Amino acid sequence: MSHKYQFLSLFLLAVPEGTRECTLGFSDIEKLTGKALPSSALNHRAWWANQAGLDNRPQARAWESAGFKVDAVHQGEGGWVRFKRSTTGAAPPAQTNDQKQTSVVERSGRLKVCKDTQEPARYDAGAIALVSCVATKRPGKGAARDLYASAWFKKVRQHVETAGLSWYILSAKYGLLHPDQQIEPYEMTLNNMSVLERQAWAQSVMRQIGDQLQGRDKFVLFAGLRYREFLQPLLESEGAKIRVPMAGLTQGRQLNWLDTHQANVQA
């Protein structure tokens, strides 16, 4: 295979055999190929169609030669594609363990294949999950837990609620939000704020945590760097124990992590 999607094929070949699904963001695929996806991939579902008959599209050959089929695609904000291991068709070429670990060449800007045991994510009893807000929101006033509508937020919500964790939302506008609090859609993000504004936001959230969560000292952060950069040090300075389960993962890899990690709370 010598086309530009060969690194996507090699990446999928390196996915551990026990993993049935693999979700990649469009940005992940662009890092693998070293090129931007064509506009048809961003706007037309047909670009992601699996091979049929004598179809010879290089992108479809890439995932199907690795033993995967496209299962779902999101072409809106934060685009992603979910590959599911195929149960029919030709088996992928056999590889040694060493080949599987090194089949994606490490070059600047490319993804590394990381082994993932997919062991359940275990959280301390009494830990509070803090989940960052997202841009995609439903219209109209409603409970904060239902207002944020991105695939990422829905998966994180399911993850923390399955674990039985109490959780709050880190809102760029409101600070610390209880999931049941009634709010209206808004357009505000820490990504557009200055350093001083983000520092002030983190200090405000700390005051809210002090008022609403007195005595709680274990936190699990499901939030991007902008939402953690000043808040996490403030929490740690007060002796809080912090976990960031998905630190360093791209959005597509985070979706895959949420798909493949069960959650439970340690007694």
C-alpha atoms as a PDB file:
ATOM      1  CA  MET A   1       0.000   0.000   0.000  1.00  0.00           C
ATOM      2  CA  SER A   2       1.630   3.238  -1.124  1.00  0.00           C
ATOM      3  CA  HIS A   3      -1.193   5.812  -1.031  1.00  0.00           C
ATOM      4  CA  LYS A   4      -1.422   8.602   1.547  1.00  0.00           C
ATOM      5  CA  TYR A   5      -3.804   6.649   3.806  1.00  0.00           C
ATOM      6  CA  GLN A   6      -1.295   3.858   4.436  1.00  0.00           C
ATOM      7  CA  PHE A   7      -0.522   5.232   7.897  1.00  0.00           C
ATOM      8  CA  LEU A   8      -4.205   5.057   8.807  1.00  0.00           C
ATOM      9  CA  SER A   9      -4.161   1.392   7.797  1.00  0.00           C
ATOM     10  CA  LEU A  10      -1.009   0.749   9.818  1.00  0.00           C
ATOM     11  CA  PHE A  11      -2.476   2.514  12.832  1.00  0.00           C
ATOM     12  CA  LEU A  12      -5.601   0.343  12.727  1.00  0.00           C
ATOM     13  CA  LEU A  13      -3.502  -2.789  12.283  1.00  0.00           C
ATOM     14  CA  ALA A  14      -1.749  -1.897  15.524  1.00  0.00           C
ATOM     15  CA  VAL A  15      -5.008  -1.636  17.503  1.00  0.00           C
ATOM     16  CA  PRO A  16      -4.986  -4.454  20.122  1.00  0.00           C
ATOM     17  CA  GLU A  17      -6.934  -7.499  18.938  1.00  0.00           C
ATOM     18  CA  GLY A  18      -9.374  -7.334  21.854  1.00  0.00           C
ATOM     19  CA  THR A  19     -10.461  -3.816  20.933  1.00  0.00           C
ATOM     20  CA  ARG A  20     -13.612  -3.953  18.818  1.00  0.00           C
ATOM     21  CA  GLU A  21     -13.950  -0.218  18.135  1.00  0.00           C
ATOM     22  CA  CYS A  22     -11.586   2.690  17.541  1.00  0.00           C
ATOM     23  CA  THR A  23     -12.694   6.329  17.340  1.00  0.00           C
ATOM     24  CA  LEU A  24     -10.435   8.906  15.687  1.00  0.00           C
ATOM     25  CA  GLY A  25     -10.986  12.613  15.294  1.00  0.00           C
ATOM     26  CA  PHE A  26     -10.559  14.082  11.842  1.00  0.00           C
ATOM     27  CA  SER A  27      -7.521  15.912  13.255  1.00  0.00           C
ATOM     28  CA  ASP A  28      -6.065  12.536  14.311  1.00  0.00           C
ATOM     29  CA  ILE A  29      -6.364  11.203  10.769  1.00  0.00           C
ATOM     30  CA  GLU A  30      -4.749  14.345   9.379  1.00  0.00           C
ATOM     31  CA  LYS A  31      -1.799  13.811  11.739  1.00  0.00           C
ATOM     32  CA  LEU A  32      -1.484  10.235  10.514  1.00  0.00           C
ATOM     33  CA  THR A  33      -1.593  11.136   6.833  1.00  0.00           C
ATOM     34  CA  GLY A  34       0.304  14.391   7.128  1.00  0.00           C
ATOM     35  CA  LYS A  35      -2.312  16.097   4.952  1.00  0.00           C
ATOM     36  CA  ALA A  36      -5.665  17.821   5.423  1.00  0.00           C
ATOM     37  CA  LEU A  37      -8.756  15.775   4.698  1.00  0.00           C
ATOM     38  CA  PRO A  38     -10.524  16.771   1.475  1.00  0.00           C
ATOM     39  CA  SER A  39     -13.664  18.904   1.722  1.00  0.00           C
ATOM     40  CA  SER A  40     -15.762  15.906   0.652  1.00  0.00           C
ATOM     41  CA  ALA A  41     -14.666  14.090   3.836  1.00  0.00           C
ATOM     42  CA  LEU A  42     -15.884  17.020   5.917  1.00  0.00           C
ATOM     43  CA  ASN A  43     -19.213  17.506   4.135  1.00  0.00           C
ATOM     44  CA  HIS A  44     -20.326  14.290   2.423  1.00  0.00           C
ATOM     45  CA  ARG A  45     -21.128  11.074   4.279  1.00  0.00           C
ATOM     46  CA  ALA A  46     -20.480   9.074   1.092  1.00  0.00           C
ATOM     47  CA  TRP A  47     -16.720   9.739   1.419  1.00  0.00           C
ATOM     48  CA  TRP A  48     -16.728   7.481   4.486  1.00  0.00           C
ATOM     49  CA  ALA A  49     -18.728   4.681   2.859  1.00  0.00           C
ATOM     50  CA  ASN A  50     -17.249   1.201   3.116  1.00  0.00           C
ATOM     51  CA  GLN A  51     -16.120  -0.581  -0.042  1.00  0.00           C
ATOM     52  CA  ALA A  52     -18.736  -2.178  -2.250  1.00  0.00           C
ATOM     53  CA  GLY A  53     -18.001  -4.490  -5.140  1.00  0.00           C
ATOM     54  CA  LEU A  54     -15.052  -3.215  -7.156  1.00  0.00           C
ATOM     55  CA  ASP A  55     -14.890   0.097  -5.330  1.00  0.00           C
ATOM     56  CA  ASN A  56     -11.243   1.119  -5.248  1.00  0.00           C
ATOM     57  CA  ARG A  57     -11.213   4.274  -3.104  1.00  0.00           C
ATOM     58  CA  PRO A  58      -7.880   4.464  -1.228  1.00  0.00           C
ATOM     59  CA  GLN A  59      -9.387   5.621   2.069  1.00  0.00           C
ATOM     60  CA  ALA A  60     -11.826   2.680   2.183  1.00  0.00           C
ATOM     61  CA  ARG A  61      -9.048   0.268   1.225  1.00  0.00           C
ATOM     62  CA  ALA A  62      -7.011   1.603   4.141  1.00  0.00           C
ATOM     63  CA  TRP A  63      -9.461   0.739   6.891  1.00  0.00           C
ATOM     64  CA  GLU A  64     -10.881  -2.407   5.298  1.00  0.00           C
ATOM     65  CA  SER A  65      -7.434  -3.888   4.596  1.00  0.00           C
ATOM     66  CA  ALA A  66      -6.794  -3.498   8.343  1.00  0.00           C
ATOM     67  CA  GLY A  67      -9.969  -5.426   9.161  1.00  0.00           C
ATOM     68  CA  PHE A  68     -12.216  -2.480  10.053  1.00  0.00           C
ATOM     69  CA  LYS A  69     -15.373  -0.847   8.704  1.00  0.00           C
ATOM     70  CA  VAL A  70     -16.726   2.643   9.316  1.00  0.00           C
ATOM     71  CA  ASP A  71     -19.509   2.376  11.886  1.00  0.00           C
ATOM     72  CA  ALA A  72     -20.397   6.045  12.507  1.00  0.00           C
ATOM     73  CA  VAL A  73     -19.254   9.500  11.398  1.00  0.00           C
ATOM     74  CA  HIS A  74     -19.768  12.959  12.890  1.00  0.00           C
ATOM     75  CA  GLN A  75     -19.058  15.748  10.393  1.00  0.00           C
ATOM     76  CA  GLY A  76     -19.984  18.720  12.564  1.00  0.00           C
ATOM     77  CA  GLU A  77     -17.871  20.510  15.155  1.00  0.00           C
ATOM     78  CA  GLY A  78     -15.011  18.297  16.326  1.00  0.00           C
ATOM     79  CA  GLY A  79     -15.492  15.783  13.494  1.00  0.00           C
ATOM     80  CA  TRP A  80     -14.765  12.132  14.229  1.00  0.00           C
ATOM     81  CA  VAL A  81     -15.209   8.650  12.781  1.00  0.00           C
ATOM     82  CA  ARG A  82     -15.754   5.376  14.629  1.00  0.00           C
ATOM     83  CA  PHE A  83     -14.238   2.230  13.111  1.00  0.00           C
ATOM     84  CA  LYS A  84     -15.558  -1.179  14.127  1.00  0.00           C
ATOM     85  CA  ARG A  85     -13.622  -4.377  13.648  1.00  0.00           C
ATOM     86  CA  SER A  86     -15.100  -6.302  10.730  1.00  0.00           C
ATOM     87  CA  THR A  87     -16.457  -9.808  11.302  1.00  0.00           C
ATOM     88  CA  THR A  88     -16.518 -10.644   7.613  1.00  0.00           C
ATOM     89  CA  GLY A  89     -14.180 -10.364   4.701  1.00  0.00           C
ATOM     90  CA  ALA A  90     -10.488 -11.021   4.439  1.00  0.00           C
ATOM     91  CA  ALA A  91      -8.452 -11.037   7.625  1.00  0.00           C
ATOM     92  CA  PRO A  92      -5.744  -8.361   7.957  1.00  0.00           C
ATOM     93  CA  PRO A  93      -2.184  -9.407   7.246  1.00  0.00           C
ATOM     94  CA  ALA A  94      -0.489 -11.236  10.095  1.00  0.00           C
ATOM     95  CA  GLN A  95       2.028  -9.198  12.077  1.00  0.00           C
ATOM     96  CA  THR A  96       4.449  -9.947  14.850  1.00  0.00           C
ATOM     97  CA  ASN A  97       4.055  -8.167  18.174  1.00  0.00           C
ATOM     98  CA  ASP A  98       7.053  -5.983  17.379  1.00  0.00           C
ATOM     99  CA  GLN A  99       5.497  -4.987  14.070  1.00  0.00           C
ATOM    100  CA  LYS A 100       2.234  -4.099  15.754  1.00  0.00           C
ATOM    101  CA  GLN A 101       3.994  -1.860  18.230  1.00  0.00           C
ATOM    102  CA  THR A 102       6.104  -0.038  15.650  1.00  0.00           C
ATOM    103  CA  SER A 103       3.942  -0.185  12.530  1.00  0.00           C
ATOM    104  CA  VAL A 104       3.041   3.488  12.764  1.00  0.00           C
ATOM    105  CA  VAL A 105       6.290   5.278  12.062  1.00  0.00           C
ATOM    106  CA  GLU A 106       7.094   7.910  14.674  1.00  0.00           C
ATOM    107  CA  ARG A 107       7.572  11.126  12.797  1.00  0.00           C
ATOM    108  CA  SER A 108       7.005  14.679  13.930  1.00  0.00           C
ATOM    109  CA  GLY A 109       3.291  15.364  14.292  1.00  0.00           C
ATOM    110  CA  ARG A 110       2.220  11.737  13.855  1.00  0.00           C
ATOM    111  CA  LEU A 111       0.215   9.720  16.356  1.00  0.00           C
ATOM    112  CA  LYS A 112       1.834   6.992  18.397  1.00  0.00           C
ATOM    113  CA  VAL A 113       0.129   3.660  18.834  1.00  0.00           C
ATOM    114  CA  CYS A 114      -0.250   3.118  22.564  1.00  0.00           C
ATOM    115  CA  LYS A 115      -1.211  -0.137  24.210  1.00  0.00           C
ATOM    116  CA  ASP A 116      -4.474   0.223  26.110  1.00  0.00           C
ATOM    117  CA  THR A 117      -5.425  -2.528  28.507  1.00  0.00           C
ATOM    118  CA  GLN A 118      -8.963  -1.125  28.719  1.00  0.00           C
ATOM    119  CA  GLU A 119      -9.090  -1.925  32.390  1.00  0.00           C
ATOM    120  CA  PRO A 120     -12.016  -0.254  34.182  1.00  0.00           C
ATOM    121  CA  ALA A 121     -11.397   3.317  35.284  1.00  0.00           C
ATOM    122  CA  ARG A 122     -11.518   3.255  39.087  1.00  0.00           C
ATOM    123  CA  TYR A 123     -12.299   6.349  41.132  1.00  0.00           C
ATOM    124  CA  ASP A 124     -12.050   7.020  44.842  1.00  0.00           C
ATOM    125  CA  ALA A 125     -15.272   6.990  46.831  1.00  0.00           C
ATOM    126  CA  GLY A 126     -16.498  10.528  47.375  1.00  0.00           C
ATOM    127  CA  ALA A 127     -14.635  11.948  44.365  1.00  0.00           C
ATOM    128  CA  ILE A 128     -16.292  14.802  42.471  1.00  0.00           C
ATOM    129  CA  ALA A 129     -16.115  14.881  38.670  1.00  0.00           C
ATOM    130  CA  LEU A 130     -15.643  18.316  37.099  1.00  0.00           C
ATOM    131  CA  VAL A 131     -16.672  18.371  33.431  1.00  0.00           C
ATOM    132  CA  SER A 132     -15.921  21.309  31.147  1.00  0.00           C
ATOM    133  CA  CYS A 133     -18.671  22.948  29.145  1.00  0.00           C
ATOM    134  CA  VAL A 134     -18.800  22.627  25.345  1.00  0.00           C
ATOM    135  CA  ALA A 135     -19.839  24.916  22.502  1.00  0.00           C
ATOM    136  CA  THR A 136     -22.642  22.705  21.173  1.00  0.00           C
ATOM    137  CA  LYS A 137     -25.836  23.477  23.083  1.00  0.00           C
ATOM    138  CA  ARG A 138     -29.531  22.775  22.728  1.00  0.00           C
ATOM    139  CA  PRO A 139     -31.856  25.766  22.180  1.00  0.00           C
ATOM    140  CA  GLY A 140     -33.993  27.060  25.022  1.00  0.00           C
ATOM    141  CA  LYS A 141     -33.660  27.121  28.776  1.00  0.00           C
ATOM    142  CA  GLY A 142     -33.118  23.815  30.562  1.00  0.00           C
ATOM    143  CA  ALA A 143     -31.115  21.812  33.079  1.00  0.00           C
ATOM    144  CA  ALA A 144     -27.384  22.218  32.495  1.00  0.00           C
ATOM    145  CA  ARG A 145     -26.911  18.436  32.207  1.00  0.00           C
ATOM    146  CA  ASP A 146     -29.190  18.430  29.146  1.00  0.00           C
ATOM    147  CA  LEU A 147     -28.187  21.763  27.606  1.00  0.00           C
ATOM    148  CA  TYR A 148     -24.706  20.711  26.454  1.00  0.00           C
ATOM    149  CA  ALA A 149     -25.201  18.493  23.427  1.00  0.00           C
ATOM    150  CA  SER A 150     -21.840  17.428  21.971  1.00  0.00           C
ATOM    151  CA  ALA A 151     -20.977  13.735  21.597  1.00  0.00           C
ATOM    152  CA  TRP A 152     -18.009  14.244  23.953  1.00  0.00           C
ATOM    153  CA  PHE A 153     -20.121  15.770  26.710  1.00  0.00           C
ATOM    154  CA  LYS A 154     -22.794  13.073  26.435  1.00  0.00           C
ATOM    155  CA  LYS A 155     -20.190  10.316  26.696  1.00  0.00           C
ATOM    156  CA  VAL A 156     -18.488  11.936  29.705  1.00  0.00           C
ATOM    157  CA  ARG A 157     -21.851  12.388  31.415  1.00  0.00           C
ATOM    158  CA  GLN A 158     -22.682   8.725  30.850  1.00  0.00           C
ATOM    159  CA  HIS A 159     -19.242   7.716  32.130  1.00  0.00           C
ATOM    160  CA  VAL A 160     -19.404   9.643  35.407  1.00  0.00           C
ATOM    161  CA  GLU A 161     -23.041   8.784  36.068  1.00  0.00           C
ATOM    162  CA  THR A 162     -22.351   5.084  35.448  1.00  0.00           C
ATOM    163  CA  ALA A 163     -19.526   5.350  37.971  1.00  0.00           C
ATOM    164  CA  GLY A 164     -21.930   6.860  40.469  1.00  0.00           C
ATOM    165  CA  LEU A 165     -19.814  10.007  40.829  1.00  0.00           C
ATOM    166  CA  SER A 166     -21.276  13.310  41.894  1.00  0.00           C
ATOM    167  CA  TRP A 167     -20.431  15.792  39.175  1.00  0.00           C
ATOM    168  CA  TYR A 168     -20.467  19.458  38.298  1.00  0.00           C
ATOM    169  CA  ILE A 169     -19.945  21.414  35.105  1.00  0.00           C
ATOM    170  CA  LEU A 170     -17.143  23.948  34.631  1.00  0.00           C
ATOM    171  CA  SER A 171     -18.872  26.722  32.710  1.00  0.00           C
ATOM    172  CA  ALA A 172     -16.995  29.603  31.116  1.00  0.00           C
ATOM    173  CA  LYS A 173     -19.942  31.868  31.983  1.00  0.00           C
ATOM    174  CA  TYR A 174     -21.316  30.521  35.264  1.00  0.00           C
ATOM    175  CA  GLY A 175     -18.254  28.888  36.812  1.00  0.00           C
ATOM    176  CA  LEU A 176     -19.261  25.848  38.884  1.00  0.00           C
ATOM    177  CA  LEU A 177     -22.633  24.568  37.694  1.00  0.00           C
ATOM    178  CA  HIS A 178     -24.775  21.873  39.312  1.00  0.00           C
ATOM    179  CA  PRO A 179     -26.140  19.612  36.531  1.00  0.00           C
ATOM    180  CA  ASP A 180     -29.725  20.380  37.570  1.00  0.00           C
ATOM    181  CA  GLN A 181     -29.288  24.152  37.465  1.00  0.00           C
ATOM    182  CA  GLN A 182     -31.539  25.824  34.904  1.00  0.00           C
ATOM    183  CA  ILE A 183     -29.629  27.955  32.416  1.00  0.00           C
ATOM    184  CA  GLU A 184     -29.996  29.348  28.913  1.00  0.00           C
ATOM    185  CA  PRO A 185     -27.598  28.799  25.974  1.00  0.00           C
ATOM    186  CA  TYR A 186     -24.636  31.163  25.825  1.00  0.00           C
ATOM    187  CA  GLU A 187     -21.606  31.869  23.657  1.00  0.00           C
ATOM    188  CA  MET A 188     -18.531  31.991  25.867  1.00  0.00           C
ATOM    189  CA  THR A 189     -15.382  29.887  26.143  1.00  0.00           C
ATOM    190  CA  LEU A 190     -12.130  30.093  28.072  1.00  0.00           C
ATOM    191  CA  ASN A 191     -10.316  29.505  24.782  1.00  0.00           C
ATOM    192  CA  ASN A 192     -11.039  33.134  23.828  1.00  0.00           C
ATOM    193  CA  MET A 193     -10.081  34.649  27.190  1.00  0.00           C
ATOM    194  CA  SER A 194      -6.793  36.270  28.175  1.00  0.00           C
ATOM    195  CA  VAL A 195      -4.500  34.752  30.780  1.00  0.00           C
ATOM    196  CA  LEU A 196      -5.686  37.252  33.395  1.00  0.00           C
ATOM    197  CA  GLU A 197      -9.334  36.458  32.620  1.00  0.00           C
ATOM    198  CA  ARG A 198      -8.683  32.719  32.923  1.00  0.00           C
ATOM    199  CA  GLN A 199      -6.890  33.220  36.221  1.00  0.00           C
ATOM    200  CA  ALA A 200      -9.825  35.258  37.538  1.00  0.00           C
ATOM    201  CA  TRP A 201     -12.240  32.549  36.347  1.00  0.00           C
ATOM    202  CA  ALA A 202     -10.266  29.833  38.179  1.00  0.00           C
ATOM    203  CA  GLN A 203     -10.224  31.877  41.394  1.00  0.00           C
ATOM    204  CA  SER A 204     -13.980  32.425  41.127  1.00  0.00           C
ATOM    205  CA  VAL A 205     -14.560  28.689  40.645  1.00  0.00           C
ATOM    206  CA  MET A 206     -12.398  27.967  43.699  1.00  0.00           C
ATOM    207  CA  ARG A 207     -14.624  30.234  45.788  1.00  0.00           C
ATOM    208  CA  GLN A 208     -17.694  28.393  44.503  1.00  0.00           C
ATOM    209  CA  ILE A 209     -16.096  25.034  45.327  1.00  0.00           C
ATOM    210  CA  GLY A 210     -15.330  26.308  48.814  1.00  0.00           C
ATOM    211  CA  ASP A 211     -18.943  27.412  49.274  1.00  0.00           C
ATOM    212  CA  GLN A 212     -20.689  24.406  47.724  1.00  0.00           C
ATOM    213  CA  LEU A 213     -18.292  21.495  48.245  1.00  0.00           C
ATOM    214  CA  GLN A 214     -16.788  22.079  51.669  1.00  0.00           C
ATOM    215  CA  GLY A 215     -14.687  19.160  52.860  1.00  0.00           C
ATOM    216  CA  ARG A 216     -14.477  17.477  49.434  1.00  0.00           C
ATOM    217  CA  ASP A 217     -10.859  16.887  48.501  1.00  0.00           C
ATOM    218  CA  LYS A 218     -10.931  14.372  45.634  1.00  0.00           C
ATOM    219  CA  PHE A 219     -11.635  15.564  42.095  1.00  0.00           C
ATOM    220  CA  VAL A 220     -11.647  13.929  38.657  1.00  0.00           C
ATOM    221  CA  LEU A 221     -11.185  16.449  35.851  1.00  0.00           C
ATOM    222  CA  PHE A 222     -12.736  15.854  32.449  1.00  0.00           C
ATOM    223  CA  ALA A 223     -11.663  19.181  31.011  1.00  0.00           C
ATOM    224  CA  GLY A 224      -9.304  20.676  28.473  1.00  0.00           C
ATOM    225  CA  LEU A 225      -6.076  22.443  29.333  1.00  0.00           C
ATOM    226  CA  ARG A 226      -7.618  25.940  29.398  1.00  0.00           C
ATOM    227  CA  TYR A 227     -10.066  24.814  32.081  1.00  0.00           C
ATOM    228  CA  ARG A 228      -7.397  23.031  34.131  1.00  0.00           C
ATOM    229  CA  GLU A 229      -4.318  25.237  33.830  1.00  0.00           C
ATOM    230  CA  PHE A 230      -5.061  27.519  36.799  1.00  0.00           C
ATOM    231  CA  LEU A 231      -7.835  25.628  38.567  1.00  0.00           C
ATOM    232  CA  GLN A 232      -5.871  22.415  39.116  1.00  0.00           C
ATOM    233  CA  PRO A 233      -2.912  24.122  40.877  1.00  0.00           C
ATOM    234  CA  LEU A 234      -5.349  26.020  43.104  1.00  0.00           C
ATOM    235  CA  LEU A 235      -7.089  22.785  44.087  1.00  0.00           C
ATOM    236  CA  GLU A 236      -3.771  21.056  44.724  1.00  0.00           C
ATOM    237  CA  SER A 237      -2.559  23.970  46.850  1.00  0.00           C
ATOM    238  CA  GLU A 238      -5.513  23.225  49.141  1.00  0.00           C
ATOM    239  CA  GLY A 239      -4.456  19.589  49.442  1.00  0.00           C
ATOM    240  CA  ALA A 240      -6.939  18.160  46.939  1.00  0.00           C
ATOM    241  CA  LYS A 241      -6.199  14.874  45.187  1.00  0.00           C
ATOM    242  CA  ILE A 242      -6.621  15.315  41.424  1.00  0.00           C
ATOM    243  CA  ARG A 243      -7.046  12.796  38.618  1.00  0.00           C
ATOM    244  CA  VAL A 244      -7.156  13.684  34.903  1.00  0.00           C
ATOM    245  CA  PRO A 245      -8.003  10.361  33.183  1.00  0.00           C
ATOM    246  CA  MET A 246      -7.753  11.611  29.596  1.00  0.00           C
ATOM    247  CA  ALA A 247      -4.838  14.053  29.897  1.00  0.00           C
ATOM    248  CA  GLY A 248      -2.849  14.367  26.663  1.00  0.00           C
ATOM    249  CA  LEU A 249      -5.404  12.607  24.446  1.00  0.00           C
ATOM    250  CA  THR A 250      -6.774  14.277  21.314  1.00  0.00           C
ATOM    251  CA  GLN A 251     -10.539  14.598  21.072  1.00  0.00           C
ATOM    252  CA  GLY A 252     -10.878  11.511  18.898  1.00  0.00           C
ATOM    253  CA  ARG A 253      -8.753   9.460  21.297  1.00  0.00           C
ATOM    254  CA  GLN A 254     -10.861  10.757  24.204  1.00  0.00           C
ATOM    255  CA  LEU A 255     -14.030   9.527  22.496  1.00  0.00           C
ATOM    256  CA  ASN A 256     -12.386   6.153  22.009  1.00  0.00           C
ATOM    257  CA  TRP A 257     -11.293   6.079  25.672  1.00  0.00           C
ATOM    258  CA  LEU A 258     -14.847   6.814  26.788  1.00  0.00           C
ATOM    259  CA  ASP A 259     -16.176   4.077  24.497  1.00  0.00           C
ATOM    260  CA  THR A 260     -13.815   1.439  25.839  1.00  0.00           C
ATOM    261  CA  HIS A 261     -13.402   2.164  29.565  1.00  0.00           C
ATOM    262  CA  GLN A 262     -15.996   1.084  32.059  1.00  0.00           C
ATOM    263  CA  ALA A 263     -16.127   3.137  35.240  1.00  0.00           C
ATOM    264  CA  ASN A 264     -16.514   2.141  38.846  1.00  0.00           C
ATOM    265  CA  VAL A 265     -15.844   3.564  42.282  1.00  0.00           C
ATOM    266  CA  GLN A 266     -13.479   1.968  44.780  1.00  0.00           C
ATOM    267  CA  ALA A 267     -14.913   1.407  48.231  1.00  0.00           C
END
